[in-house]
Protein backbone atom coordinates (compact mmCIF):
# COMPACT_ATOMS: atom_id res chain seq x y z
CA MET A 1 52.15 160.16 -119.10
CA LYS A 2 51.49 162.38 -116.27
CA PHE A 3 49.49 159.63 -114.55
CA VAL A 4 52.01 157.13 -115.11
CA PHE A 5 54.87 159.05 -113.32
CA GLN A 6 52.84 159.72 -110.53
CA THR A 7 52.05 156.28 -109.68
CA PRO A 8 55.71 155.05 -108.85
CA ILE A 9 56.26 158.08 -106.53
CA PHE A 10 53.07 157.22 -104.77
CA SER A 11 54.30 153.46 -104.24
CA ILE A 12 57.50 154.65 -102.86
CA LEU A 13 55.89 156.93 -100.47
CA MET A 14 53.77 154.01 -99.25
CA ILE A 15 56.62 151.47 -98.88
CA LEU A 16 58.73 154.06 -96.87
CA PRO A 17 56.58 154.05 -93.67
CA CYS A 18 56.31 150.24 -93.55
CA ALA A 19 60.00 149.80 -93.83
CA SER A 20 60.38 152.35 -90.89
CA TYR A 21 57.77 150.66 -88.82
CA ALA A 22 59.43 147.00 -89.33
CA GLN A 23 62.85 148.75 -88.35
CA LEU A 24 61.34 150.15 -85.26
CA ASP A 25 59.58 146.90 -84.39
CA SER A 26 62.57 144.88 -84.71
CA SER A 27 64.49 147.36 -82.78
CA TYR A 28 61.83 147.11 -79.91
CA GLU A 29 62.00 143.14 -80.01
CA LEU A 30 65.83 143.39 -79.71
CA LEU A 31 65.67 145.59 -76.93
CA LEU A 32 62.95 143.70 -74.97
CA GLY A 33 64.91 140.33 -75.64
CA SER A 34 68.02 141.44 -74.24
CA SER A 35 66.36 142.84 -71.06
CA THR A 36 64.65 139.51 -70.51
CA HIS A 37 67.83 137.67 -70.91
CA ASN A 38 69.74 139.77 -68.61
CA SER A 39 66.99 139.50 -65.92
CA SER A 40 67.36 135.99 -65.88
CA LEU A 41 71.01 135.93 -65.52
CA GLU A 42 70.97 138.23 -62.62
CA ALA A 43 68.38 136.02 -61.01
CA THR A 44 70.65 133.09 -60.77
CA LYS A 45 73.70 134.84 -60.11
CA PRO A 46 74.08 135.39 -56.02
CA VAL A 47 74.37 138.91 -54.82
CA LYS A 48 77.67 139.67 -53.37
CA ALA A 49 77.25 141.65 -50.23
CA VAL A 50 78.78 145.03 -50.54
CA GLU A 51 81.46 145.41 -47.76
CA LYS A 52 81.58 148.55 -46.15
CA LYS A 53 84.55 150.54 -46.52
CA LYS A 54 86.36 152.01 -43.53
CA ARG A 55 87.09 155.41 -43.45
CA LYS A 56 90.65 155.82 -43.98
CA PRO A 57 92.25 157.67 -40.98
CA THR A 58 93.58 161.03 -41.87
CA ASN A 59 96.62 160.22 -39.60
CA ASP A 60 98.70 157.30 -40.02
CA ASP A 61 99.88 157.43 -36.45
CA SER A 62 98.27 154.64 -34.31
CA ALA A 63 98.98 156.69 -31.07
CA THR A 64 96.40 159.35 -32.33
CA ASN A 65 94.15 157.16 -34.29
CA VAL A 66 90.94 156.42 -32.67
CA GLN A 67 89.94 153.81 -35.24
CA ALA A 68 93.34 152.08 -35.10
CA SER A 69 93.08 148.43 -34.91
CA THR A 70 95.51 148.20 -31.93
CA LYS A 71 93.69 148.61 -28.47
CA VAL A 72 94.83 151.59 -26.43
CA ALA A 73 96.20 149.91 -23.17
CA SER A 74 94.11 151.25 -20.22
CA PRO A 75 95.89 152.90 -17.22
CA THR A 76 97.10 150.49 -14.69
CA PRO A 77 95.26 151.23 -11.50
CA THR A 78 97.37 152.51 -8.62
CA VAL A 79 97.58 150.06 -5.89
CA VAL A 80 97.66 151.83 -2.49
CA PRO A 81 99.33 149.60 0.11
CA PRO A 82 97.23 149.24 3.38
CA VAL A 83 98.50 151.44 6.21
CA GLU A 84 99.47 149.42 9.16
CA THR A 85 97.80 150.87 12.30
CA GLU A 86 99.75 150.66 15.35
CA LYS A 87 98.25 148.10 17.78
CA PRO A 88 97.28 149.49 21.32
CA LEU A 89 99.59 148.14 23.86
CA GLU A 90 98.28 145.35 26.03
CA GLU A 91 98.76 145.24 29.79
CA PRO A 92 101.61 142.74 30.47
CA THR A 93 100.55 139.51 32.24
CA LEU A 94 101.76 138.49 35.73
CA THR A 95 103.95 136.13 34.22
CA GLN A 96 105.74 138.66 31.91
CA GLN A 97 106.07 141.17 34.79
CA ALA A 98 107.60 138.46 37.07
CA GLN A 99 110.03 137.42 34.29
CA SER A 100 110.74 141.26 33.54
CA LEU A 101 112.18 141.50 37.16
CA PHE A 102 114.76 138.81 36.59
CA ALA A 103 115.68 140.06 33.19
CA SER A 104 116.19 143.74 34.14
CA GLU A 105 113.22 144.79 32.08
CA SER A 106 111.10 146.26 34.67
CA GLY A 107 111.45 149.60 33.32
CA LYS A 108 109.38 148.76 30.09
CA VAL A 109 106.57 147.36 32.36
CA ASN A 110 106.51 150.54 34.46
CA ASN A 111 106.68 152.79 31.44
CA PHE A 112 103.47 151.06 30.11
CA TYR A 113 101.51 152.11 33.23
CA GLU A 114 103.02 155.62 33.30
CA THR A 115 101.55 155.98 29.84
CA LYS A 116 98.16 154.75 31.12
CA PHE A 117 97.74 156.13 34.65
CA GLU A 118 97.05 159.96 35.24
CA GLU A 119 99.93 162.11 36.40
CA ASN A 120 99.11 162.06 39.96
CA ASP A 121 97.67 158.53 40.32
CA TYR A 122 98.96 157.12 43.64
CA ARG A 123 99.18 153.58 41.94
CA GLN A 124 102.42 154.83 40.56
CA ASN A 125 103.98 154.82 43.95
CA LYS A 126 106.70 152.26 44.33
CA VAL A 127 106.85 152.56 48.22
CA GLU A 128 103.90 153.02 50.67
CA ILE A 129 104.16 153.24 54.49
CA SER A 130 101.11 153.68 56.55
CA PHE A 131 100.18 153.86 60.34
CA ALA A 132 96.58 153.22 61.73
CA PRO A 133 95.63 153.79 65.56
CA GLY A 134 92.52 151.92 66.48
CA PHE A 135 90.32 150.26 68.87
CA ALA A 136 90.07 146.61 69.34
CA THR A 137 88.18 143.86 71.37
CA THR A 138 88.85 140.27 71.30
CA GLU A 139 86.89 137.33 72.97
CA SER A 140 87.50 133.71 73.19
CA SER A 141 84.52 131.30 74.12
CA SER A 142 85.26 127.66 75.11
CA ASN A 143 84.15 124.59 77.04
CA PHE A 144 87.38 124.69 78.85
CA SER A 145 87.66 127.88 81.40
CA TYR A 146 91.39 128.23 80.80
CA ARG A 147 90.53 129.06 77.13
CA ASN A 148 87.69 131.59 78.10
CA TYR A 149 88.73 135.28 78.08
CA ARG A 150 87.95 138.79 77.01
CA SER A 151 89.92 141.71 76.45
CA VAL A 152 89.42 145.29 75.10
CA PHE A 153 92.30 147.55 74.24
CA SER A 154 93.94 150.10 71.91
CA GLY A 155 96.20 149.01 69.15
CA MET A 156 98.48 150.26 66.42
CA ASN A 157 98.47 148.93 62.89
CA LEU A 158 101.70 149.48 60.90
CA GLY A 159 101.99 148.79 57.33
CA ALA A 160 104.41 148.75 54.19
CA ASN A 161 104.26 147.93 50.80
CA VAL A 162 107.10 147.77 47.95
CA TRP A 163 105.65 147.72 44.50
CA LEU A 164 107.94 145.99 42.17
CA THR A 165 105.51 146.93 39.38
CA PRO A 166 102.30 148.62 39.74
CA ALA A 167 100.65 145.26 39.56
CA MET A 168 102.98 143.17 41.64
CA GLY A 169 104.88 143.70 45.01
CA LEU A 170 105.37 142.72 48.67
CA GLY A 171 103.63 143.96 51.55
CA GLY A 172 102.52 143.46 55.32
CA ASN A 173 101.16 144.75 58.38
CA PHE A 174 101.89 144.38 61.96
CA MET A 175 99.20 144.91 64.74
CA PHE A 176 99.93 145.37 68.45
CA SER A 177 98.13 146.12 71.51
CA LEU A 178 98.63 149.12 73.65
CA GLY A 179 98.00 148.50 77.48
CA ALA A 180 95.82 145.41 77.10
CA ASP A 181 95.03 142.82 79.94
CA THR A 182 92.61 139.87 79.83
CA SER A 183 90.52 137.92 82.43
CA ALA A 184 92.51 135.72 84.61
CA ASP A 185 90.78 133.62 87.26
CA ALA A 186 87.41 132.70 86.19
CA VAL A 187 86.21 132.16 89.73
CA THR A 188 87.43 135.31 91.26
CA GLY A 189 87.27 137.36 88.27
CA THR A 190 90.97 138.71 88.40
CA ARG A 191 92.80 140.04 85.44
CA THR A 192 96.28 139.71 84.18
CA PRO A 193 98.50 141.73 81.57
CA ALA A 194 98.47 140.50 78.12
CA ARG A 195 99.93 141.63 74.80
CA PHE A 196 98.22 140.81 71.52
CA GLU A 197 100.31 140.82 68.21
CA MET A 198 99.33 139.93 64.62
CA LEU A 199 101.72 139.90 61.61
CA ASP A 200 100.68 139.33 57.85
CA VAL A 201 103.35 139.36 55.27
CA GLY A 202 103.17 138.23 51.57
CA LEU A 203 102.87 138.87 47.98
CA LYS A 204 100.45 141.28 46.42
CA PHE A 205 99.03 141.31 43.02
CA ARG A 206 96.57 144.05 41.71
CA LYS A 207 94.07 143.71 38.77
CA PHE A 208 93.27 146.97 37.17
CA PHE A 209 89.76 147.22 35.62
CA GLY A 210 90.83 150.29 33.61
CA PHE A 211 93.47 152.86 34.10
CA SER A 212 91.57 156.11 35.02
CA SER A 213 91.42 157.22 38.51
CA THR A 214 87.78 156.08 38.94
CA SER A 215 88.45 152.54 37.67
CA LYS A 216 87.92 149.49 40.04
CA SER A 217 90.82 147.46 41.10
CA LEU A 218 91.02 144.00 42.81
CA GLU A 219 93.97 143.31 45.14
CA THR A 220 94.98 139.68 46.06
CA ASN A 221 97.37 138.85 48.73
CA LEU A 222 98.97 135.53 49.43
CA MET A 223 99.67 135.83 53.05
CA TYR A 224 101.53 134.47 55.94
CA THR A 225 100.08 135.07 59.31
CA ASP A 226 101.51 134.83 62.67
CA SER A 227 99.31 135.79 65.74
CA GLN A 228 99.92 135.52 69.44
CA MET A 229 98.75 136.47 72.84
CA THR A 230 101.32 136.89 75.30
CA VAL A 231 100.87 136.74 79.17
CA PRO A 232 103.44 136.83 82.18
CA SER A 233 105.56 133.56 82.17
CA ASP A 234 104.53 132.85 85.59
CA ASP A 235 100.83 133.32 85.15
CA VAL A 236 98.88 130.16 86.69
CA ASN A 237 95.65 131.09 84.93
CA ARG A 238 96.48 131.68 81.26
CA ALA A 239 98.73 130.02 78.46
CA ARG A 240 100.64 131.71 75.78
CA LEU A 241 98.70 131.20 72.52
CA LYS A 242 100.20 131.25 69.05
CA THR A 243 98.61 130.60 65.70
CA SER A 244 100.30 130.79 62.48
CA GLY A 245 99.72 129.63 58.69
CA VAL A 246 99.08 130.69 55.03
CA GLY A 247 96.07 132.21 53.56
CA ILE A 248 94.57 134.58 50.99
CA LYS A 249 93.23 138.02 51.44
CA MET A 250 91.38 139.92 48.85
CA ILE A 251 90.50 143.76 48.73
CA LEU A 252 88.11 145.26 46.24
CA ARG A 253 88.62 148.95 45.75
CA VAL A 254 85.57 150.84 44.15
CA PRO A 255 86.19 154.58 43.66
CA THR A 256 83.30 156.93 43.22
CA SER A 257 85.64 159.92 42.29
CA SER A 258 89.20 160.65 41.84
CA GLU A 259 89.31 161.50 45.64
CA PHE A 260 87.22 158.89 47.38
CA SER A 261 86.94 155.10 47.17
CA TRP A 262 85.08 152.25 49.01
CA MET A 263 87.01 149.35 50.16
CA PHE A 264 85.68 145.77 50.70
CA GLY A 265 87.64 142.71 51.64
CA GLY A 266 87.86 139.29 53.06
CA SER A 267 90.55 136.81 54.08
CA PHE A 268 90.47 133.09 54.42
CA TYR A 269 93.15 130.82 56.17
CA PRO A 270 92.13 127.07 55.74
CA ARG A 271 95.01 125.26 57.54
CA LEU A 272 96.58 126.91 60.54
CA GLN A 273 99.03 125.74 63.22
CA HIS A 274 98.12 126.27 66.71
CA SER A 275 99.89 125.82 69.89
CA GLU A 276 99.52 126.32 73.67
CA GLU A 277 102.76 127.37 75.47
CA LYS A 278 103.63 126.72 79.17
CA THR A 279 103.64 129.54 81.67
CA GLY A 280 102.80 129.09 85.37
CA VAL A 281 100.44 126.24 84.54
CA SER A 282 100.69 123.68 81.79
CA VAL A 283 97.41 124.13 79.84
CA ASN A 284 96.83 121.33 77.49
CA SER A 285 93.38 121.29 75.78
CA GLY A 286 94.06 117.97 73.90
CA SER A 287 95.40 116.85 70.47
CA ASN A 288 94.87 119.82 68.15
CA VAL A 289 93.30 118.78 64.69
CA GLU A 290 91.97 121.77 62.99
CA ASN A 291 92.43 125.54 63.00
CA THR A 292 90.79 127.82 60.39
CA ARG A 293 90.18 131.87 60.47
CA ILE A 294 87.99 133.78 58.26
CA GLY A 295 87.87 137.58 58.14
CA LEU A 296 85.88 140.57 56.66
CA GLN A 297 86.70 144.24 56.38
CA PHE A 298 84.97 147.33 55.18
CA GLY A 299 86.18 150.89 54.80
CA SER A 300 87.01 153.96 52.71
CA GLU A 301 89.90 155.92 51.51
CA ILE A 302 90.14 159.84 50.62
CA ASN A 303 92.95 160.43 48.08
CA LEU A 304 94.50 163.90 49.07
CA SER A 305 97.38 163.62 46.63
CA GLN A 306 99.78 161.03 44.92
CA GLN A 307 101.74 161.02 48.20
CA SER A 308 99.05 161.21 50.64
CA GLN A 309 95.69 159.22 51.63
CA ILE A 310 93.70 159.03 54.87
CA PHE A 311 91.80 155.87 55.29
CA TYR A 312 89.50 154.05 57.92
CA GLU A 313 88.77 150.46 58.36
CA LEU A 314 86.38 148.16 60.32
CA SER A 315 87.51 144.55 60.39
CA GLY A 316 86.48 141.28 62.08
CA SER A 317 87.89 137.90 62.10
CA SER A 318 86.97 134.63 63.73
CA GLU A 319 89.35 131.69 64.35
CA ARG A 320 88.30 128.14 65.27
CA ASN A 321 90.36 125.78 67.25
CA LEU A 322 89.27 122.09 67.46
CA PHE A 323 90.97 119.42 69.92
CA GLU A 324 90.44 115.79 70.46
CA GLY A 325 90.80 113.60 73.47
CA THR A 326 90.76 114.81 77.21
CA ALA A 327 92.29 117.96 78.50
CA GLY A 328 95.66 117.42 80.35
CA ILE A 329 94.47 119.47 83.37
CA THR A 330 91.40 119.92 85.51
CA ASP A 331 89.16 122.77 84.76
CA PRO A 332 88.77 124.76 88.02
CA ALA A 333 85.43 125.83 86.96
CA THR A 334 84.02 122.37 86.76
CA GLY A 335 86.43 120.22 88.49
CA THR A 336 86.64 117.92 85.54
CA LYS A 337 88.76 117.33 82.56
CA PRO A 338 86.92 118.41 79.54
CA LYS A 339 86.85 116.31 76.36
CA ASN A 340 86.86 117.54 72.80
CA VAL A 341 87.75 121.17 73.52
CA SER A 342 86.68 123.61 70.99
CA VAL A 343 87.67 127.32 70.96
CA THR A 344 86.22 130.38 69.01
CA ASN A 345 88.13 133.35 69.14
CA SER A 346 86.77 136.80 67.74
CA LEU A 347 88.63 139.78 66.88
CA TYR A 348 87.04 143.28 65.99
CA MET A 349 88.85 146.42 65.29
CA PHE A 350 88.17 149.97 64.15
CA SER A 351 91.23 151.92 62.85
CA LEU A 352 91.82 155.36 61.22
CA GLY A 353 95.01 155.80 59.47
CA TYR A 354 97.11 157.79 57.08
CA ARG A 355 99.43 156.27 54.22
CA TRP A 356 102.42 158.06 52.64
CA GLY A 357 103.75 156.82 49.31
CA ASN A 358 106.33 157.83 46.66
């Protein structure tokens, strides 16, 4: 009896572990099956990208929000307008200066030069007067004895300039002899009183190569010249001679300092008119066809002040007169009437002078 009761208990005890094992096994299969199924679903389903969330601004005011969607406008650069530099004044041309004289605007031209020249520059003078005593010699050589002569004399050279502007003006020089005579009879060697005169007047133009007191300048003169030799009206050995015409004269001034300048010049008269006037004898060298004159000068100038300058000058000129045909009178030296008379007249003069200006 005791054995029978113990057998059912033993059987129950054996069945309970099996049931627990089966339940555990089914739970395990359920767990594995569910995991495998979920894995296949996740493999076929596309993975959605995770969007990064922006940090929410702590301040809703866009003006102070660094991450605001609206861009902060950059400051507009300040545009500085270009500064207009004042252009340097240019020297008025000769045409402008000439026009200003008729338009009463010469003061503007003069003001320009006043700002350029130094205070005591004599080129600012409007009026200049000069005188220069000198020593001269003239000689005429020809194949006609009435036109052969030689004279040595003292002379005086007077000059005056009026500068309408520092670069444009009027001026002239008048040279005349003092106590001159000339050879008379070519056979006996007698002499006769004579007077030599030369007048040059015209327009003056100056070109400045700078405005300092040591700057070079070139003076160009459009000149009218009139020169003559006068002998007594009853002289039987010489005729009165006269030459006139228009030419050009140029002077280059080269300063080495504010007090001293060298001067180099030249003149040319291409077409002159020449005549022989009757005295005690009617000298006719033939038909005058050509007359020219060329000259050179050299000197220096000492500038004492704006009003005073001392200068010296050595000048020389040569005039050529050509005639056609036969002379109208017999030559006393040869006893014949020469043909195609030619005359070369040379003049050399040294002068020392003083110029006053204001």
